[in-house]
Amino acid sequence: MTALAQQIVSGLAAGGIYASLALALVLIYSAMGLVNFAQGEFAMFSTFIAWALIVALHLPYALAFVGAVLFGFGAGIVLERAVVRPFEKSSPLILVIVTLALFSIANGLAGAIWGYVPKPFPSPFPVTPISLGGVLVSLQDMAVIGITLVVLGLISLFLTRTRLGLALRAAALYPESASLMGVRVGWMLALGWGLASAVGAVSGILVAPIIFLEPNMMQGTIIYAFAAAVLGGIDSPLGAVVGGLSLGVALNLIGAYIPQLADVRLGVALLLLVLVLVLRPAGLLGRPEVSRV
């Protein structure tokens, strides 16, 4: 029983990483109906900014964290205004190509500036695990889950309890009606990109102490995050977290109890994604599409 509990706790820790980046994917999709394939690279670049603030400028971790999140927020808005907006009314395929181009540019720019040698990233949390009833728990892993839940709560409050958040949702769901009501739809979409990039920055900073910092650090994680977002519901922030935690636990249990599949967990995640799309396209907590006949 203790071994099972240990696997579940470890799975929740991995799932917290997937959930934090899945939240960013959901925010972009909710704003534009677009999957941003560069989201992981945005998170990686913001994490390098935090690393530079800590190492080069010797800023405290908390200030570097805030600085990197603000950088991610501003960069998201600038990229939407300068790069994405000209293609806003183009076909979905064109927008996908634009995000893939941003993926390549962000990765190459990070490599040119900081190189491809993995770098240790500091963490304010102790790395030594503690034992709770025989189950080893890492404070770093629990912090990832806790901060992800806090970010989810803040996003939910923003989207449902503030005028700006309600305007953002209106611009995403009913852009023409929102425009007639005086909502600046274009800037609301830019705000969605900024928020997604800020959440992605949080994800990158949380995961960097666990997997080391280098330009390709988020490329595997983004696939799991995408699977988590689809599993929970690509238009549901709560679904992103539920999907991420569920996926992390499921993959960890598969790796522990079906060792033959331990090395192909990425394939298992993609297979799960396909099954969800076939059986329940809206995901566990997503809104199913309703059409009139």
Protein backbone atom coordinates (compact mmCIF):
# COMPACT_ATOMS: atom_id res chain seq x y z
CA MET A 1 0.00 0.00 0.00
CA THR A 2 2.88 2.35 0.82
CA ALA A 3 4.45 1.62 -2.58
CA LEU A 4 1.19 2.53 -4.33
CA ALA A 5 0.90 5.75 -2.33
CA GLN A 6 4.50 6.60 -3.26
CA GLN A 7 3.75 6.13 -6.95
CA ILE A 8 0.63 8.30 -6.70
CA VAL A 9 2.52 11.09 -4.92
CA SER A 10 5.30 10.96 -7.52
CA GLY A 11 2.70 11.00 -10.29
CA LEU A 12 0.99 14.04 -8.79
CA ALA A 13 4.35 15.82 -8.75
CA ALA A 14 4.90 15.12 -12.45
CA GLY A 15 1.26 15.97 -13.16
CA GLY A 16 1.69 19.36 -11.51
CA ILE A 17 4.31 20.20 -14.13
CA TYR A 18 2.03 19.14 -16.98
CA ALA A 19 -0.91 21.01 -15.44
CA SER A 20 0.95 24.30 -15.09
CA LEU A 21 1.87 24.39 -18.79
CA ALA A 22 -1.54 23.01 -19.82
CA LEU A 23 -3.09 26.05 -18.13
CA ALA A 24 -1.16 28.30 -20.50
CA LEU A 25 -2.32 26.26 -23.52
CA VAL A 26 -5.94 26.53 -22.36
CA LEU A 27 -5.72 30.31 -21.98
CA ILE A 28 -4.51 30.74 -25.57
CA TYR A 29 -7.12 28.34 -26.91
CA SER A 30 -9.88 30.07 -24.94
CA ALA A 31 -8.84 33.44 -26.36
CA MET A 32 -8.30 32.50 -30.01
CA GLY A 33 -9.32 28.88 -30.55
CA LEU A 34 -5.64 28.23 -31.32
CA VAL A 35 -3.12 25.73 -29.95
CA ASN A 36 0.15 27.62 -29.47
CA PHE A 37 2.95 25.17 -30.24
CA ALA A 38 5.52 27.74 -29.11
CA GLN A 39 4.12 27.92 -25.57
CA GLY A 40 6.83 25.69 -24.14
CA GLU A 41 9.58 27.73 -25.77
CA PHE A 42 8.08 30.95 -24.38
CA ALA A 43 8.19 29.34 -20.92
CA MET A 44 11.79 28.27 -21.46
CA PHE A 45 12.88 31.75 -22.58
CA SER A 46 11.25 33.41 -19.57
CA THR A 47 12.98 30.90 -17.32
CA PHE A 48 16.33 31.88 -18.82
CA ILE A 49 15.45 35.49 -18.01
CA ALA A 50 14.89 34.49 -14.37
CA TRP A 51 18.20 32.59 -14.36
CA ALA A 52 20.03 35.63 -15.78
CA LEU A 53 18.49 37.91 -13.15
CA ILE A 54 19.62 35.57 -10.38
CA VAL A 55 23.09 34.73 -11.72
CA ALA A 56 24.12 37.94 -13.51
CA LEU A 57 22.35 40.58 -11.44
CA HIS A 58 22.31 38.59 -8.17
CA LEU A 59 18.68 39.46 -7.54
CA PRO A 60 16.76 37.53 -4.86
CA TYR A 61 14.77 34.57 -6.15
CA ALA A 62 11.42 36.27 -5.48
CA LEU A 63 12.34 39.39 -7.51
CA ALA A 64 13.71 37.27 -10.34
CA PHE A 65 10.51 35.20 -10.33
CA VAL A 66 8.33 38.31 -10.58
CA GLY A 67 10.61 39.85 -13.21
CA ALA A 68 10.48 36.75 -15.42
CA VAL A 69 6.70 36.50 -15.12
CA LEU A 70 6.33 40.18 -16.06
CA PHE A 71 8.71 39.64 -18.97
CA GLY A 72 6.61 36.70 -20.14
CA PHE A 73 3.44 38.77 -19.85
CA GLY A 74 4.88 41.68 -21.84
CA ALA A 75 6.48 39.43 -24.45
CA GLY A 76 3.19 37.61 -25.00
CA ILE A 77 1.36 40.88 -25.65
CA VAL A 78 4.08 42.18 -27.99
CA LEU A 79 4.21 38.94 -29.99
CA GLU A 80 0.43 38.86 -30.39
CA ARG A 81 0.34 42.48 -31.56
CA ALA A 82 3.37 42.30 -33.86
CA VAL A 83 3.40 38.72 -35.17
CA VAL A 84 0.06 36.99 -34.65
CA ARG A 85 -2.38 39.85 -35.23
CA PRO A 86 -1.58 40.27 -38.98
CA PHE A 87 -2.65 36.62 -39.46
CA GLU A 88 -5.60 36.77 -37.07
CA LYS A 89 -8.21 36.23 -39.76
CA SER A 90 -6.16 33.68 -41.69
CA SER A 91 -6.87 29.96 -41.80
CA PRO A 92 -6.02 27.84 -38.72
CA LEU A 93 -3.21 26.21 -40.70
CA ILE A 94 -1.49 29.58 -41.21
CA LEU A 95 -1.75 30.36 -37.50
CA VAL A 96 -0.26 26.95 -36.64
CA ILE A 97 2.66 27.68 -38.98
CA VAL A 98 3.15 31.06 -37.27
CA THR A 99 3.36 29.41 -33.83
CA LEU A 100 5.81 26.81 -35.19
CA ALA A 101 7.95 29.65 -36.55
CA LEU A 102 7.87 31.31 -33.12
CA PHE A 103 8.89 27.96 -31.61
CA SER A 104 11.97 27.79 -33.83
CA ILE A 105 12.91 31.44 -33.32
CA ALA A 106 12.63 31.29 -29.51
CA ASN A 107 14.64 28.07 -29.32
CA GLY A 108 17.37 29.30 -31.63
CA LEU A 109 17.59 32.69 -29.91
CA ALA A 110 17.92 31.09 -26.46
CA GLY A 111 20.63 28.77 -27.77
CA ALA A 112 22.53 31.66 -29.35
CA ILE A 113 22.42 33.74 -26.15
CA TRP A 114 22.87 31.12 -23.43
CA GLY A 115 24.13 28.02 -25.23
CA TYR A 116 22.86 24.45 -25.05
CA VAL A 117 24.80 23.26 -22.01
CA PRO A 118 22.33 22.36 -19.20
CA LYS A 119 22.47 24.77 -16.28
CA PRO A 120 21.35 24.18 -12.69
CA PHE A 121 18.50 26.40 -11.63
CA PRO A 122 18.19 27.43 -7.97
CA SER A 123 15.14 26.56 -5.93
CA PRO A 124 13.95 28.14 -2.68
CA PHE A 125 12.61 24.78 -1.52
CA PRO A 126 14.68 22.05 0.18
CA VAL A 127 15.63 19.20 -2.13
CA THR A 128 15.77 16.61 0.66
CA PRO A 129 12.47 14.69 0.74
CA ILE A 130 10.54 14.21 3.97
CA SER A 131 8.74 11.06 5.05
CA LEU A 132 5.01 11.14 5.70
CA GLY A 133 3.77 7.75 6.88
CA GLY A 134 6.54 6.01 4.97
CA VAL A 135 5.88 7.99 1.76
CA LEU A 136 8.73 10.23 0.62
CA VAL A 137 7.49 13.69 -0.33
CA SER A 138 9.64 16.35 -1.98
CA LEU A 139 8.82 19.89 -0.95
CA GLN A 140 9.88 21.03 -4.43
CA ASP A 141 7.31 18.72 -6.02
CA MET A 142 4.59 19.75 -3.58
CA ALA A 143 5.39 23.40 -4.28
CA VAL A 144 4.81 22.77 -8.00
CA ILE A 145 1.35 21.36 -7.26
CA GLY A 146 0.51 24.05 -4.72
CA ILE A 147 1.59 26.97 -6.92
CA THR A 148 -0.28 25.48 -9.89
CA LEU A 149 -3.47 25.35 -7.81
CA VAL A 150 -2.91 28.94 -6.66
CA VAL A 151 -2.44 30.08 -10.27
CA LEU A 152 -5.64 28.22 -11.22
CA GLY A 153 -7.52 30.00 -8.43
CA LEU A 154 -6.21 33.42 -9.46
CA ILE A 155 -7.10 32.82 -13.11
CA SER A 156 -10.59 31.64 -12.19
CA LEU A 157 -11.15 34.70 -10.00
CA PHE A 158 -9.85 37.00 -12.72
CA LEU A 159 -12.06 35.48 -15.43
CA THR A 160 -15.24 35.34 -13.34
CA ARG A 161 -14.99 38.20 -10.82
CA THR A 162 -13.38 41.11 -12.66
CA ARG A 163 -14.70 43.32 -15.46
CA LEU A 164 -11.50 42.85 -17.45
CA GLY A 165 -11.73 39.08 -17.12
CA LEU A 166 -15.38 39.07 -18.19
CA ALA A 167 -14.48 41.28 -21.16
CA LEU A 168 -11.74 38.81 -22.10
CA ARG A 169 -14.18 35.91 -22.04
CA ALA A 170 -16.76 37.88 -24.04
CA ALA A 171 -14.16 38.81 -26.66
CA ALA A 172 -13.15 35.16 -27.00
CA LEU A 173 -16.66 33.70 -27.17
CA TYR A 174 -18.65 36.46 -28.90
CA PRO A 175 -16.18 38.87 -30.54
CA GLU A 176 -18.72 40.70 -32.72
CA SER A 177 -21.21 41.26 -29.89
CA ALA A 178 -18.41 42.24 -27.51
CA SER A 179 -17.12 44.78 -30.03
CA LEU A 180 -20.58 46.33 -30.31
CA MET A 181 -20.62 46.65 -26.51
CA GLY A 182 -17.39 48.66 -26.58
CA VAL A 183 -14.93 45.86 -25.75
CA ARG A 184 -11.60 46.27 -27.55
CA VAL A 185 -11.48 42.71 -28.85
CA GLY A 186 -7.99 42.95 -30.32
CA TRP A 187 -6.45 44.04 -27.04
CA MET A 188 -8.39 41.38 -25.18
CA LEU A 189 -6.78 38.74 -27.39
CA ALA A 190 -3.38 40.29 -26.68
CA LEU A 191 -4.16 40.15 -22.96
CA GLY A 192 -4.96 36.44 -23.35
CA TRP A 193 -1.55 35.86 -24.92
CA GLY A 194 0.12 37.86 -22.17
CA LEU A 195 -1.59 35.88 -19.42
CA ALA A 196 -0.75 32.58 -21.11
CA SER A 197 2.92 33.56 -21.45
CA ALA A 198 3.01 34.65 -17.80
CA VAL A 199 1.53 31.32 -16.67
CA GLY A 200 4.02 29.54 -18.93
CA ALA A 201 6.86 31.45 -17.25
CA VAL A 202 5.66 30.18 -13.87
CA SER A 203 5.65 26.64 -15.28
CA GLY A 204 9.19 26.92 -16.63
CA ILE A 205 10.59 28.37 -13.40
CA LEU A 206 8.95 25.60 -11.38
CA VAL A 207 10.21 22.77 -13.57
CA ALA A 208 13.76 24.09 -14.19
CA PRO A 209 15.20 22.95 -10.81
CA ILE A 210 13.92 19.43 -11.53
CA ILE A 211 15.01 18.88 -15.14
CA PHE A 212 17.82 21.51 -15.49
CA LEU A 213 17.72 24.59 -17.68
CA GLU A 214 18.53 24.40 -21.41
CA PRO A 215 16.80 25.49 -24.63
CA ASN A 216 15.11 22.12 -25.24
CA MET A 217 13.89 21.63 -21.67
CA MET A 218 10.17 22.07 -22.39
CA GLN A 219 9.87 20.14 -25.65
CA GLY A 220 8.87 16.88 -24.00
CA THR A 221 6.77 18.60 -21.37
CA ILE A 222 4.68 20.49 -23.93
CA ILE A 223 3.48 17.21 -25.45
CA TYR A 224 2.37 15.90 -22.06
CA ALA A 225 0.79 19.29 -21.32
CA PHE A 226 -1.13 19.21 -24.58
CA ALA A 227 -2.37 15.70 -23.77
CA ALA A 228 -3.38 16.92 -20.31
CA ALA A 229 -5.26 19.91 -21.73
CA VAL A 230 -7.18 17.71 -24.17
CA LEU A 231 -7.90 15.14 -21.45
CA GLY A 232 -9.31 17.73 -19.07
CA GLY A 233 -10.95 19.94 -21.68
CA ILE A 234 -9.01 22.30 -23.93
CA ASP A 235 -11.31 25.20 -23.00
CA SER A 236 -11.37 24.56 -19.23
CA PRO A 237 -8.66 25.89 -16.84
CA LEU A 238 -9.87 23.50 -14.13
CA GLY A 239 -9.84 20.69 -16.69
CA ALA A 240 -6.20 21.48 -17.51
CA VAL A 241 -5.20 20.96 -13.88
CA VAL A 242 -7.36 17.86 -13.44
CA GLY A 243 -6.05 16.45 -16.72
CA GLY A 244 -2.43 17.19 -15.81
CA LEU A 245 -2.62 15.57 -12.38
CA SER A 246 -4.56 12.59 -13.73
CA LEU A 247 -2.12 12.07 -16.59
CA GLY A 248 0.88 12.28 -14.26
CA VAL A 249 -0.55 9.65 -11.90
CA ALA A 250 -1.64 7.37 -14.76
CA LEU A 251 1.74 7.45 -16.50
CA ASN A 252 3.60 6.91 -13.24
CA LEU A 253 1.47 3.88 -12.35
CA ILE A 254 1.94 2.47 -15.84
CA GLY A 255 5.70 2.88 -15.57
CA ALA A 256 5.77 1.21 -12.16
CA TYR A 257 3.38 -1.69 -12.69
CA ILE A 258 3.72 -2.32 -16.43
CA PRO A 259 7.50 -2.07 -16.88
CA GLN A 260 7.24 -3.07 -20.54
CA LEU A 261 5.65 0.34 -21.18
CA ALA A 262 7.98 2.36 -18.98
CA ASP A 263 10.10 3.55 -21.90
CA VAL A 264 7.14 4.42 -24.15
CA ARG A 265 5.11 6.58 -21.78
CA LEU A 266 5.10 9.41 -24.30
CA GLY A 267 3.44 7.06 -26.78
CA VAL A 268 0.95 6.04 -24.11
CA ALA A 269 0.13 9.71 -23.48
CA LEU A 270 -0.47 10.29 -27.18
CA LEU A 271 -2.62 7.16 -27.41
CA LEU A 272 -4.66 8.43 -24.47
CA LEU A 273 -5.04 11.75 -26.27
CA VAL A 274 -6.41 9.99 -29.37
CA LEU A 275 -8.84 7.92 -27.28
CA VAL A 276 -10.16 11.05 -25.56
CA LEU A 277 -10.63 12.80 -28.90
CA VAL A 278 -12.58 9.80 -30.21
CA LEU A 279 -14.70 9.05 -27.13
CA ARG A 280 -15.15 12.52 -25.62
CA PRO A 281 -13.77 15.30 -27.83
CA ALA A 282 -14.63 18.00 -25.28
CA GLY A 283 -12.54 16.32 -22.56
CA LEU A 284 -13.52 15.55 -18.99
CA LEU A 285 -14.58 19.09 -18.05
CA GLY A 286 -14.79 20.82 -21.41
CA ARG A 287 -17.93 22.25 -22.97
CA PRO A 288 -19.35 19.93 -25.64
CA GLU A 289 -20.22 21.64 -28.89
CA VAL A 290 -23.96 22.08 -29.44
CA SER A 291 -25.30 22.70 -32.92
CA ARG A 292 -28.81 23.20 -34.18
CA VAL A 293 -30.09 20.97 -36.91
